[in-house]
Amino acid sequence: MSLALIDYGAGNLQSVANALRAAGAGHVTVTGDASVVRAADRIVLPGVGSFRSCAQGLRALPGMVEAMTERVFVGGAPFLGICVGMQLLATRGLEHGETEGLGWIEGEVKLIERTDPMVKVPHMGWNDVAVGRSDPSGGLIEPGEAYFLHSYHFSVEDGRTVAAMTDHGGGLVASVAKDNVVGVQFHPEKSQGYGLALLGRFLEWKP
């Protein structure tokens, strides 16, 4: 099985690659080459930084968005977005102005609202991952604790795409899923046993 870990200058790539290998991935290719992604069995899109910079970095890779879209929606390859990689699935992001997302899961990415002065932004550290009764990930996302680090959150339009929630002064989406696409707001590579178990399930996931 070949796994493409997309390198567009906005991700904790080595840590994610090491975590995927520790979870059982035998062939992880860190790549910015659209042709490699088009041939991959599974695709992982990491992301660290602002929505705008990540979107610009991804679109700067020749043919990459088109290759991802073709491989996922025509070829059926399982796809995992991590942190801003999950947020890029949205219709748009509102960080540093409005920026177009991939539009794979409808919704927008906006600043976490501080309704309580005791609630700190960014949301940083360990927090619960609570899976709802209706889980569009088909069991890929399990309840537990994961490591989060973000100031913006994914506000989805269709609640049926929410795989899990967390609480930080109110509910925040921890994971989204639709068909063979899943995204997690937390960092599996920083979430110790919980994160490695999730990556292991992704490697076996047959949505």
N, C-alpha and C. Protein backbone atom coordinates (compact mmCIF):
# COMPACT_ATOMS: atom_id res chain seq x y z
N MET A 1 0.84 -1.19 0.00
CA MET A 1 0.00 0.00 0.00
C MET A 1 0.88 1.24 0.00
N SER A 2 0.59 2.19 -0.91
CA SER A 2 1.34 3.44 -0.96
C SER A 2 0.52 4.54 -0.33
N LEU A 3 1.18 5.36 0.49
CA LEU A 3 0.52 6.47 1.17
C LEU A 3 1.26 7.75 0.83
N ALA A 4 0.53 8.74 0.31
CA ALA A 4 1.12 10.04 -0.02
C ALA A 4 0.83 11.02 1.10
N LEU A 5 1.88 11.56 1.70
CA LEU A 5 1.79 12.61 2.71
C LEU A 5 2.17 13.91 2.00
N ILE A 6 1.19 14.78 1.82
CA ILE A 6 1.38 15.93 0.94
C ILE A 6 2.22 17.02 1.62
N ASP A 7 3.28 17.40 0.92
CA ASP A 7 4.20 18.44 1.39
C ASP A 7 3.95 19.70 0.59
N TYR A 8 3.33 20.70 1.25
CA TYR A 8 3.11 21.98 0.59
C TYR A 8 3.64 23.12 1.45
N GLY A 9 4.61 22.76 2.30
CA GLY A 9 5.27 23.76 3.12
C GLY A 9 4.49 24.17 4.34
N ALA A 10 3.50 23.38 4.76
CA ALA A 10 2.66 23.78 5.88
C ALA A 10 2.23 22.56 6.70
N GLY A 11 3.19 21.89 7.29
CA GLY A 11 2.81 20.74 8.09
C GLY A 11 3.97 20.22 8.91
N ASN A 12 3.65 19.53 9.99
CA ASN A 12 4.65 18.90 10.84
C ASN A 12 4.99 17.55 10.21
N LEU A 13 5.61 17.61 9.03
CA LEU A 13 5.68 16.44 8.16
C LEU A 13 6.44 15.26 8.75
N GLN A 14 7.61 15.53 9.30
CA GLN A 14 8.42 14.41 9.79
C GLN A 14 7.75 13.69 10.94
N SER A 15 7.14 14.45 11.85
CA SER A 15 6.44 13.83 12.97
C SER A 15 5.25 13.01 12.49
N VAL A 16 4.51 13.55 11.50
CA VAL A 16 3.36 12.81 10.96
C VAL A 16 3.84 11.55 10.24
N ALA A 17 4.89 11.67 9.46
CA ALA A 17 5.43 10.51 8.74
C ALA A 17 5.90 9.44 9.72
N ASN A 18 6.60 9.85 10.77
CA ASN A 18 7.06 8.89 11.77
C ASN A 18 5.89 8.20 12.47
N ALA A 19 4.84 8.99 12.77
CA ALA A 19 3.67 8.41 13.44
C ALA A 19 2.97 7.42 12.52
N LEU A 20 2.86 7.73 11.24
CA LEU A 20 2.23 6.80 10.30
C LEU A 20 3.03 5.50 10.20
N ARG A 21 4.34 5.62 10.17
CA ARG A 21 5.17 4.40 10.12
C ARG A 21 5.04 3.60 11.40
N ALA A 22 4.99 4.29 12.54
CA ALA A 22 4.81 3.60 13.83
C ALA A 22 3.46 2.91 13.91
N ALA A 23 2.48 3.47 13.19
CA ALA A 23 1.14 2.89 13.18
C ALA A 23 1.01 1.73 12.21
N GLY A 24 2.07 1.50 11.39
CA GLY A 24 2.05 0.33 10.51
C GLY A 24 2.15 0.62 9.03
N ALA A 25 2.29 1.90 8.64
CA ALA A 25 2.40 2.22 7.22
C ALA A 25 3.77 1.79 6.71
N GLY A 26 3.77 0.96 5.68
CA GLY A 26 5.03 0.45 5.17
C GLY A 26 5.68 1.35 4.14
N HIS A 27 4.88 2.15 3.45
CA HIS A 27 5.42 2.98 2.37
C HIS A 27 4.80 4.36 2.43
N VAL A 28 5.48 5.30 3.10
CA VAL A 28 5.01 6.67 3.21
C VAL A 28 5.90 7.54 2.32
N THR A 29 5.29 8.23 1.37
CA THR A 29 6.03 9.14 0.50
C THR A 29 5.64 10.58 0.81
N VAL A 30 6.60 11.36 1.29
CA VAL A 30 6.37 12.79 1.52
C VAL A 30 6.58 13.48 0.19
N THR A 31 5.53 14.13 -0.36
CA THR A 31 5.61 14.57 -1.74
C THR A 31 4.82 15.84 -2.01
N GLY A 32 5.32 16.61 -2.95
CA GLY A 32 4.58 17.73 -3.50
C GLY A 32 4.29 17.51 -4.98
N ASP A 33 4.43 16.25 -5.42
CA ASP A 33 4.27 15.87 -6.82
C ASP A 33 2.85 15.34 -7.05
N ALA A 34 2.11 16.03 -7.90
CA ALA A 34 0.72 15.63 -8.16
C ALA A 34 0.62 14.22 -8.74
N SER A 35 1.59 13.81 -9.54
CA SER A 35 1.53 12.48 -10.16
C SER A 35 1.66 11.37 -9.12
N VAL A 36 2.43 11.63 -8.06
CA VAL A 36 2.56 10.65 -6.97
C VAL A 36 1.24 10.53 -6.22
N VAL A 37 0.61 11.66 -5.96
CA VAL A 37 -0.68 11.66 -5.27
C VAL A 37 -1.74 10.96 -6.10
N ARG A 38 -1.71 11.16 -7.39
CA ARG A 38 -2.70 10.56 -8.29
C ARG A 38 -2.59 9.03 -8.29
N ALA A 39 -1.43 8.49 -7.93
CA ALA A 39 -1.23 7.05 -7.93
C ALA A 39 -1.29 6.42 -6.54
N ALA A 40 -1.48 7.23 -5.50
CA ALA A 40 -1.41 6.74 -4.13
C ALA A 40 -2.67 5.96 -3.74
N ASP A 41 -2.48 4.99 -2.84
CA ASP A 41 -3.62 4.23 -2.33
C ASP A 41 -4.36 5.01 -1.24
N ARG A 42 -3.63 5.82 -0.46
CA ARG A 42 -4.20 6.64 0.60
C ARG A 42 -3.49 7.98 0.62
N ILE A 43 -4.20 9.01 1.08
CA ILE A 43 -3.65 10.36 1.07
C ILE A 43 -3.83 11.00 2.44
N VAL A 44 -2.78 11.66 2.93
CA VAL A 44 -2.85 12.41 4.18
C VAL A 44 -2.43 13.84 3.90
N LEU A 45 -3.27 14.79 4.34
CA LEU A 45 -2.98 16.21 4.18
C LEU A 45 -2.83 16.84 5.56
N PRO A 46 -1.59 17.13 5.99
CA PRO A 46 -1.39 17.79 7.29
C PRO A 46 -1.59 19.29 7.13
N GLY A 47 -1.40 20.04 8.20
CA GLY A 47 -1.51 21.49 8.10
C GLY A 47 -1.23 22.17 9.41
N VAL A 48 -0.32 23.13 9.39
CA VAL A 48 0.01 23.95 10.54
C VAL A 48 0.13 25.39 10.06
N GLY A 49 -0.49 26.33 10.77
CA GLY A 49 -0.43 27.73 10.37
C GLY A 49 -1.81 28.27 10.08
N SER A 50 -1.88 29.30 9.27
CA SER A 50 -3.16 29.93 8.97
C SER A 50 -3.85 29.24 7.79
N PHE A 51 -5.16 29.34 7.77
CA PHE A 51 -5.94 28.78 6.66
C PHE A 51 -5.47 29.37 5.34
N ARG A 52 -5.30 30.68 5.32
CA ARG A 52 -4.94 31.34 4.06
C ARG A 52 -3.59 30.86 3.54
N SER A 53 -2.57 30.83 4.41
CA SER A 53 -1.24 30.42 3.96
C SER A 53 -1.22 28.96 3.51
N CYS A 54 -1.98 28.12 4.21
CA CYS A 54 -2.04 26.71 3.83
C CYS A 54 -2.75 26.53 2.49
N ALA A 55 -3.87 27.24 2.29
CA ALA A 55 -4.59 27.16 1.02
C ALA A 55 -3.72 27.65 -0.13
N GLN A 56 -3.01 28.74 0.10
CA GLN A 56 -2.13 29.26 -0.94
C GLN A 56 -0.99 28.30 -1.25
N GLY A 57 -0.42 27.70 -0.20
CA GLY A 57 0.67 26.74 -0.40
C GLY A 57 0.22 25.52 -1.17
N LEU A 58 -0.97 25.03 -0.86
CA LEU A 58 -1.49 23.84 -1.55
C LEU A 58 -1.76 24.15 -3.02
N ARG A 59 -2.35 25.29 -3.28
CA ARG A 59 -2.69 25.65 -4.67
C ARG A 59 -1.44 26.04 -5.48
N ALA A 60 -0.35 26.33 -4.79
CA ALA A 60 0.89 26.66 -5.50
C ALA A 60 1.56 25.44 -6.11
N LEU A 61 1.17 24.24 -5.67
CA LEU A 61 1.73 23.01 -6.23
C LEU A 61 1.01 22.68 -7.53
N PRO A 62 1.71 22.64 -8.65
CA PRO A 62 1.05 22.43 -9.94
C PRO A 62 0.21 21.14 -9.98
N GLY A 63 -1.08 21.30 -10.25
CA GLY A 63 -1.97 20.16 -10.43
C GLY A 63 -2.35 19.40 -9.18
N MET A 64 -1.92 19.88 -8.00
CA MET A 64 -2.13 19.10 -6.79
C MET A 64 -3.60 18.99 -6.40
N VAL A 65 -4.32 20.11 -6.38
CA VAL A 65 -5.73 20.05 -5.99
C VAL A 65 -6.51 19.16 -6.95
N GLU A 66 -6.21 19.27 -8.23
CA GLU A 66 -6.88 18.43 -9.22
C GLU A 66 -6.56 16.96 -9.02
N ALA A 67 -5.30 16.64 -8.70
CA ALA A 67 -4.89 15.25 -8.47
C ALA A 67 -5.57 14.68 -7.24
N MET A 68 -5.62 15.48 -6.15
CA MET A 68 -6.29 15.03 -4.93
C MET A 68 -7.76 14.75 -5.21
N THR A 69 -8.41 15.69 -5.89
CA THR A 69 -9.84 15.56 -6.16
C THR A 69 -10.12 14.32 -7.01
N GLU A 70 -9.31 14.11 -8.03
CA GLU A 70 -9.50 12.94 -8.91
C GLU A 70 -9.28 11.64 -8.15
N ARG A 71 -8.21 11.59 -7.37
CA ARG A 71 -7.88 10.33 -6.68
C ARG A 71 -8.91 9.99 -5.61
N VAL A 72 -9.43 11.01 -4.93
CA VAL A 72 -10.38 10.79 -3.84
C VAL A 72 -11.78 10.53 -4.36
N PHE A 73 -12.24 11.36 -5.31
CA PHE A 73 -13.64 11.28 -5.73
C PHE A 73 -13.88 10.35 -6.91
N VAL A 74 -12.87 10.13 -7.73
CA VAL A 74 -13.00 9.18 -8.84
C VAL A 74 -12.37 7.84 -8.47
N GLY A 75 -11.17 7.91 -7.89
CA GLY A 75 -10.46 6.68 -7.55
C GLY A 75 -10.86 6.07 -6.22
N GLY A 76 -11.52 6.86 -5.35
CA GLY A 76 -12.00 6.32 -4.07
C GLY A 76 -10.94 6.13 -3.01
N ALA A 77 -9.80 6.81 -3.13
CA ALA A 77 -8.74 6.66 -2.13
C ALA A 77 -9.16 7.26 -0.80
N PRO A 78 -8.96 6.57 0.32
CA PRO A 78 -9.22 7.15 1.64
C PRO A 78 -8.32 8.37 1.87
N PHE A 79 -8.91 9.40 2.46
CA PHE A 79 -8.22 10.69 2.65
C PHE A 79 -8.34 11.12 4.10
N LEU A 80 -7.23 11.57 4.68
CA LEU A 80 -7.21 12.08 6.05
C LEU A 80 -6.61 13.48 6.07
N GLY A 81 -7.39 14.45 6.59
CA GLY A 81 -6.89 15.80 6.79
C GLY A 81 -6.63 16.03 8.27
N ILE A 82 -5.49 16.63 8.60
CA ILE A 82 -5.08 16.83 10.00
C ILE A 82 -4.96 18.32 10.29
N CYS A 83 -5.63 18.78 11.34
CA CYS A 83 -5.61 20.17 11.80
C CYS A 83 -6.03 21.12 10.67
N VAL A 84 -5.16 21.99 10.18
CA VAL A 84 -5.56 22.86 9.08
C VAL A 84 -5.86 22.03 7.83
N GLY A 85 -5.27 20.85 7.73
CA GLY A 85 -5.61 19.94 6.63
C GLY A 85 -7.07 19.54 6.67
N MET A 86 -7.65 19.43 7.86
CA MET A 86 -9.09 19.21 7.99
C MET A 86 -9.84 20.48 7.63
N GLN A 87 -9.39 21.62 8.12
CA GLN A 87 -10.09 22.88 7.87
C GLN A 87 -10.16 23.21 6.38
N LEU A 88 -9.15 22.82 5.62
CA LEU A 88 -9.14 23.09 4.19
C LEU A 88 -10.25 22.37 3.43
N LEU A 89 -10.87 21.37 4.06
CA LEU A 89 -12.00 20.69 3.44
C LEU A 89 -13.21 21.61 3.33
N ALA A 90 -13.25 22.68 4.10
CA ALA A 90 -14.40 23.57 4.18
C ALA A 90 -14.59 24.38 2.89
N THR A 91 -15.76 25.01 2.81
CA THR A 91 -16.06 25.88 1.68
C THR A 91 -15.17 27.11 1.69
N ARG A 92 -14.95 27.67 2.89
CA ARG A 92 -14.13 28.88 3.00
C ARG A 92 -13.54 28.99 4.40
N GLY A 93 -12.47 29.78 4.49
CA GLY A 93 -11.88 30.11 5.78
C GLY A 93 -11.90 31.62 5.96
N LEU A 94 -12.06 32.07 7.19
CA LEU A 94 -12.20 33.50 7.47
C LEU A 94 -11.00 34.06 8.23
N GLU A 95 -9.88 33.35 8.20
CA GLU A 95 -8.67 33.80 8.87
C GLU A 95 -7.89 34.71 7.94
N HIS A 96 -7.61 35.96 8.37
CA HIS A 96 -6.93 36.96 7.52
C HIS A 96 -7.75 37.25 6.26
N GLY A 97 -9.06 37.39 6.41
CA GLY A 97 -9.92 37.61 5.26
C GLY A 97 -10.48 36.29 4.75
N GLU A 98 -11.37 36.36 3.78
CA GLU A 98 -12.02 35.15 3.26
C GLU A 98 -11.15 34.47 2.22
N THR A 99 -10.96 33.16 2.40
CA THR A 99 -10.15 32.36 1.48
C THR A 99 -10.94 31.12 1.10
N GLU A 100 -10.94 30.80 -0.17
CA GLU A 100 -11.66 29.62 -0.66
C GLU A 100 -10.98 28.34 -0.19
N GLY A 101 -11.80 27.40 0.32
CA GLY A 101 -11.29 26.09 0.68
C GLY A 101 -11.52 25.10 -0.44
N LEU A 102 -11.34 23.82 -0.15
CA LEU A 102 -11.56 22.78 -1.17
C LEU A 102 -13.04 22.59 -1.46
N GLY A 103 -13.89 22.87 -0.46
CA GLY A 103 -15.32 22.70 -0.66
C GLY A 103 -15.79 21.26 -0.65
N TRP A 104 -15.01 20.37 -0.05
CA TRP A 104 -15.40 18.95 0.00
C TRP A 104 -16.46 18.69 1.06
N ILE A 105 -16.45 19.48 2.13
CA ILE A 105 -17.46 19.40 3.18
C ILE A 105 -17.93 20.83 3.46
N GLU A 106 -19.21 21.10 3.27
CA GLU A 106 -19.70 22.47 3.34
C GLU A 106 -19.60 23.04 4.76
N GLY A 107 -19.15 24.29 4.81
CA GLY A 107 -19.02 24.98 6.09
C GLY A 107 -17.92 26.00 6.00
N GLU A 108 -17.68 26.70 7.10
CA GLU A 108 -16.63 27.71 7.12
C GLU A 108 -15.80 27.59 8.39
N VAL A 109 -14.58 28.07 8.27
CA VAL A 109 -13.64 28.03 9.38
C VAL A 109 -13.52 29.43 9.96
N LYS A 110 -13.89 29.57 11.24
CA LYS A 110 -13.91 30.90 11.86
C LYS A 110 -13.30 30.86 13.25
N LEU A 111 -13.02 32.04 13.78
CA LEU A 111 -12.35 32.17 15.07
C LEU A 111 -13.21 31.58 16.20
N ILE A 112 -12.57 30.90 17.12
CA ILE A 112 -13.26 30.41 18.30
C ILE A 112 -13.74 31.60 19.12
N GLU A 113 -15.03 31.64 19.42
CA GLU A 113 -15.59 32.76 20.18
C GLU A 113 -15.36 32.55 21.67
N ARG A 114 -14.88 33.59 22.34
CA ARG A 114 -14.63 33.53 23.78
C ARG A 114 -15.88 33.99 24.51
N THR A 115 -16.78 33.09 24.80
CA THR A 115 -18.01 33.42 25.53
C THR A 115 -17.75 33.48 27.04
N ASP A 116 -16.63 32.93 27.48
CA ASP A 116 -16.25 32.91 28.88
C ASP A 116 -14.82 33.44 28.99
N PRO A 117 -14.56 34.46 29.81
CA PRO A 117 -13.20 35.01 29.91
C PRO A 117 -12.17 34.00 30.41
N MET A 118 -12.64 32.92 31.03
CA MET A 118 -11.74 31.88 31.50
C MET A 118 -11.29 30.94 30.37
N VAL A 119 -11.99 31.01 29.26
CA VAL A 119 -11.66 30.15 28.12
C VAL A 119 -10.54 30.81 27.32
N LYS A 120 -9.45 30.10 27.13
CA LYS A 120 -8.30 30.65 26.43
C LYS A 120 -8.32 30.26 24.96
N VAL A 121 -7.89 31.20 24.13
CA VAL A 121 -7.70 30.96 22.71
C VAL A 121 -6.26 31.34 22.38
N PRO A 122 -5.48 30.42 21.80
CA PRO A 122 -5.90 29.18 21.16
C PRO A 122 -6.32 28.08 22.14
N HIS A 123 -7.12 27.16 21.60
CA HIS A 123 -7.47 25.92 22.31
C HIS A 123 -6.24 25.02 22.22
N MET A 124 -5.57 24.84 23.35
CA MET A 124 -4.30 24.13 23.33
C MET A 124 -4.24 23.11 24.46
N GLY A 125 -3.85 21.89 24.11
CA GLY A 125 -3.67 20.84 25.10
C GLY A 125 -4.60 19.66 24.88
N TRP A 126 -4.65 18.78 25.87
CA TRP A 126 -5.45 17.57 25.78
C TRP A 126 -6.92 17.86 26.05
N ASN A 127 -7.78 17.22 25.27
CA ASN A 127 -9.21 17.38 25.47
C ASN A 127 -9.93 16.14 24.95
N ASP A 128 -11.17 15.99 25.41
CA ASP A 128 -11.96 14.81 25.03
C ASP A 128 -12.37 14.86 23.56
N VAL A 129 -12.45 13.69 22.96
CA VAL A 129 -13.04 13.50 21.64
C VAL A 129 -14.30 12.67 21.86
N ALA A 130 -15.45 13.29 21.66
CA ALA A 130 -16.74 12.63 21.92
C ALA A 130 -17.42 12.30 20.60
N VAL A 131 -17.65 11.03 20.38
CA VAL A 131 -18.28 10.56 19.13
C VAL A 131 -19.79 10.57 19.29
N GLY A 132 -20.49 11.09 18.29
CA GLY A 132 -21.94 11.17 18.35
C GLY A 132 -22.61 9.84 18.06
N ARG A 133 -23.92 9.82 18.21
CA ARG A 133 -24.68 8.59 17.94
C ARG A 133 -24.61 8.19 16.48
N SER A 134 -24.66 9.19 15.63
CA SER A 134 -24.54 8.93 14.19
C SER A 134 -23.13 9.31 13.75
N ASP A 135 -22.33 8.30 13.43
CA ASP A 135 -20.91 8.53 13.15
C ASP A 135 -20.64 8.31 11.66
N PRO A 136 -20.45 9.37 10.88
CA PRO A 136 -20.20 9.20 9.45
C PRO A 136 -18.84 8.58 9.12
N SER A 137 -17.96 8.44 10.12
CA SER A 137 -16.66 7.83 9.85
C SER A 137 -16.71 6.31 9.89
N GLY A 138 -17.87 5.76 10.25
CA GLY A 138 -18.00 4.30 10.28
C GLY A 138 -17.13 3.62 11.31
N GLY A 139 -16.89 4.29 12.44
CA GLY A 139 -16.09 3.70 13.50
C GLY A 139 -14.62 4.04 13.46
N LEU A 140 -14.21 4.80 12.45
CA LEU A 140 -12.79 5.19 12.38
C LEU A 140 -12.42 6.07 13.58
N ILE A 141 -13.28 7.02 13.91
CA ILE A 141 -13.03 7.89 15.06
C ILE A 141 -13.64 7.24 16.30
N GLU A 142 -12.83 7.07 17.32
CA GLU A 142 -13.29 6.49 18.58
C GLU A 142 -13.17 7.53 19.70
N PRO A 143 -13.98 7.39 20.75
CA PRO A 143 -13.88 8.32 21.87
C PRO A 143 -12.54 8.19 22.59
N GLY A 144 -12.08 9.29 23.15
CA GLY A 144 -10.81 9.27 23.87
C GLY A 144 -10.34 10.68 24.14
N GLU A 145 -9.03 10.83 24.31
CA GLU A 145 -8.43 12.15 24.53
C GLU A 145 -7.33 12.38 23.51
N ALA A 146 -7.31 13.59 22.95
CA ALA A 146 -6.33 13.93 21.92
C ALA A 146 -5.76 15.32 22.18
N TYR A 147 -4.68 15.62 21.48
CA TYR A 147 -3.99 16.90 21.66
C TYR A 147 -4.43 17.89 20.58
N PHE A 148 -4.93 19.06 21.03
CA PHE A 148 -5.42 20.10 20.15
C PHE A 148 -4.51 21.33 20.22
N LEU A 149 -4.44 22.05 19.10
CA LEU A 149 -3.77 23.35 19.06
C LEU A 149 -4.34 24.15 17.90
N HIS A 150 -5.33 25.02 18.20
CA HIS A 150 -5.95 25.80 17.12
C HIS A 150 -6.72 26.98 17.71
N SER A 151 -6.82 28.04 16.91
CA SER A 151 -7.59 29.22 17.27
C SER A 151 -8.86 29.35 16.44
N TYR A 152 -8.91 28.66 15.31
CA TYR A 152 -10.06 28.67 14.42
C TYR A 152 -10.69 27.29 14.40
N HIS A 153 -12.00 27.24 14.16
CA HIS A 153 -12.70 25.95 14.18
C HIS A 153 -13.60 25.83 12.97
N PHE A 154 -13.93 24.58 12.62
CA PHE A 154 -14.74 24.25 11.46
C PHE A 154 -16.21 24.26 11.87
N SER A 155 -16.96 25.22 11.36
CA SER A 155 -18.40 25.30 11.59
C SER A 155 -19.08 24.69 10.37
N VAL A 156 -19.58 23.46 10.49
CA VAL A 156 -20.13 22.73 9.35
C VAL A 156 -21.59 23.12 9.10
N GLU A 157 -22.02 23.00 7.86
CA GLU A 157 -23.40 23.30 7.52
C GLU A 157 -24.32 22.11 7.76
N ASP A 158 -23.81 20.91 7.53
CA ASP A 158 -24.61 19.70 7.67
C ASP A 158 -24.08 18.88 8.85
N GLY A 159 -24.86 18.83 9.93
CA GLY A 159 -24.42 18.11 11.12
C GLY A 159 -24.15 16.64 10.89
N ARG A 160 -24.67 16.09 9.81
CA ARG A 160 -24.43 14.67 9.52
C ARG A 160 -22.99 14.39 9.13
N THR A 161 -22.21 15.44 8.84
CA THR A 161 -20.79 15.25 8.52
C THR A 161 -19.90 15.34 9.75
N VAL A 162 -20.48 15.59 10.92
CA VAL A 162 -19.69 15.68 12.15
C VAL A 162 -19.49 14.28 12.74
N ALA A 163 -18.23 13.87 12.83
CA ALA A 163 -17.92 12.56 13.38
C ALA A 163 -17.67 12.62 14.88
N ALA A 164 -17.16 13.75 15.39
CA ALA A 164 -16.86 13.87 16.82
C ALA A 164 -16.79 15.34 17.20
N MET A 165 -17.04 15.59 18.49
CA MET A 165 -16.99 16.93 19.04
C MET A 165 -16.04 16.97 20.22
N THR A 166 -15.59 18.17 20.57
CA THR A 166 -14.88 18.39 21.81
C THR A 166 -15.50 19.63 22.46
N ASP A 167 -15.11 19.92 23.70
CA ASP A 167 -15.69 21.05 24.40
C ASP A 167 -14.59 22.00 24.87
N HIS A 168 -14.73 23.27 24.46
CA HIS A 168 -13.80 24.30 24.93
C HIS A 168 -14.60 25.58 25.06
N GLY A 169 -15.28 25.72 26.19
CA GLY A 169 -16.19 26.84 26.38
C GLY A 169 -17.41 26.72 25.49
N GLY A 170 -17.73 25.52 25.08
CA GLY A 170 -18.79 25.24 24.12
C GLY A 170 -18.32 24.18 23.15
N GLY A 171 -19.24 23.64 22.40
CA GLY A 171 -18.89 22.55 21.48
C GLY A 171 -18.09 23.03 20.28
N LEU A 172 -17.02 22.28 19.96
CA LEU A 172 -16.22 22.51 18.76
C LEU A 172 -16.11 21.19 18.01
N VAL A 173 -16.12 21.27 16.71
CA VAL A 173 -15.99 20.06 15.89
C VAL A 173 -14.57 19.51 16.00
N ALA A 174 -14.48 18.25 16.42
CA ALA A 174 -13.19 17.58 16.54
C ALA A 174 -12.86 16.73 15.31
N SER A 175 -13.91 16.30 14.59
CA SER A 175 -13.69 15.46 13.41
C SER A 175 -14.88 15.56 12.48
N VAL A 176 -14.59 15.55 11.19
CA VAL A 176 -15.63 15.50 10.17
C VAL A 176 -15.38 14.28 9.28
N ALA A 177 -16.43 13.80 8.64
CA ALA A 177 -16.28 12.66 7.74
C ALA A 177 -17.41 12.65 6.73
N LYS A 178 -17.07 12.24 5.53
CA LYS A 178 -18.07 12.10 4.46
C LYS A 178 -17.52 11.11 3.45
N ASP A 179 -18.18 9.97 3.34
CA ASP A 179 -17.74 8.91 2.42
C ASP A 179 -16.30 8.50 2.75
N ASN A 180 -15.37 8.67 1.81
CA ASN A 180 -13.98 8.24 2.03
C ASN A 180 -13.07 9.38 2.48
N VAL A 181 -13.68 10.47 2.95
CA VAL A 181 -12.93 11.64 3.43
C VAL A 181 -13.16 11.81 4.92
N VAL A 182 -12.07 11.95 5.68
CA VAL A 182 -12.19 12.22 7.11
C VAL A 182 -11.18 13.30 7.49
N GLY A 183 -11.54 14.12 8.44
CA GLY A 183 -10.63 15.13 8.93
C GLY A 183 -10.67 15.19 10.44
N VAL A 184 -9.54 15.49 11.06
CA VAL A 184 -9.47 15.62 12.52
C VAL A 184 -8.83 16.95 12.86
N GLN A 185 -9.44 17.68 13.81
CA GLN A 185 -8.89 18.96 14.24
C GLN A 185 -7.67 18.78 15.12
N PHE A 186 -7.61 17.69 15.84
CA PHE A 186 -6.48 17.42 16.74
C PHE A 186 -5.29 16.86 15.96
N HIS A 187 -4.18 16.69 16.67
CA HIS A 187 -2.95 16.16 16.07
C HIS A 187 -2.74 14.72 16.49
N PRO A 188 -3.02 13.74 15.62
CA PRO A 188 -2.76 12.34 16.00
C PRO A 188 -1.30 12.08 16.33
N GLU A 189 -0.40 12.77 15.63
CA GLU A 189 1.03 12.54 15.84
C GLU A 189 1.51 13.03 17.20
N LYS A 190 0.69 13.85 17.89
CA LYS A 190 1.02 14.34 19.23
C LYS A 190 0.12 13.73 20.30
N SER A 191 -0.74 12.82 19.88
CA SER A 191 -1.76 12.28 20.79
C SER A 191 -1.43 10.89 21.32
N GLN A 192 -0.15 10.54 21.29
CA GLN A 192 0.34 9.30 21.90
C GLN A 192 -0.46 8.08 21.45
N GLY A 193 -0.84 7.22 22.38
CA GLY A 193 -1.50 5.97 22.02
C GLY A 193 -2.81 6.16 21.28
N TYR A 194 -3.57 7.17 21.69
CA TYR A 194 -4.85 7.43 21.02
C TYR A 194 -4.61 7.78 19.55
N GLY A 195 -3.64 8.65 19.31
CA GLY A 195 -3.37 9.07 17.94
C GLY A 195 -2.82 7.96 17.08
N LEU A 196 -1.91 7.15 17.61
CA LEU A 196 -1.35 6.04 16.84
C LEU A 196 -2.43 5.01 16.50
N ALA A 197 -3.33 4.77 17.45
CA ALA A 197 -4.42 3.82 17.20
C ALA A 197 -5.33 4.34 16.08
N LEU A 198 -5.59 5.64 16.08
CA LEU A 198 -6.41 6.23 15.02
C LEU A 198 -5.73 6.07 13.66
N LEU A 199 -4.43 6.39 13.59
CA LEU A 199 -3.71 6.26 12.33
C LEU A 199 -3.69 4.80 11.86
N GLY A 200 -3.56 3.89 12.81
CA GLY A 200 -3.60 2.46 12.47
C GLY A 200 -4.94 2.08 11.86
N ARG A 201 -6.03 2.60 12.43
CA ARG A 201 -7.35 2.31 11.86
C ARG A 201 -7.50 2.93 10.48
N PHE A 202 -6.93 4.15 10.30
CA PHE A 202 -7.01 4.78 8.98
C PHE A 202 -6.31 3.93 7.93
N LEU A 203 -5.21 3.33 8.29
CA LEU A 203 -4.47 2.50 7.33
C LEU A 203 -5.26 1.27 6.89
N GLU A 204 -6.21 0.87 7.72
CA GLU A 204 -7.05 -0.30 7.40
C GLU A 204 -8.46 0.11 6.96
N TRP A 205 -8.76 1.39 7.00
CA TRP A 205 -10.12 1.91 6.77
C TRP A 205 -10.59 1.60 5.36
N LYS A 206 -11.78 1.04 5.27
CA LYS A 206 -12.39 0.74 3.96
C LYS A 206 -13.79 1.35 3.92
N PRO A 207 -13.85 2.67 3.72
CA PRO A 207 -15.15 3.36 3.74
C PRO A 207 -16.04 2.98 2.55
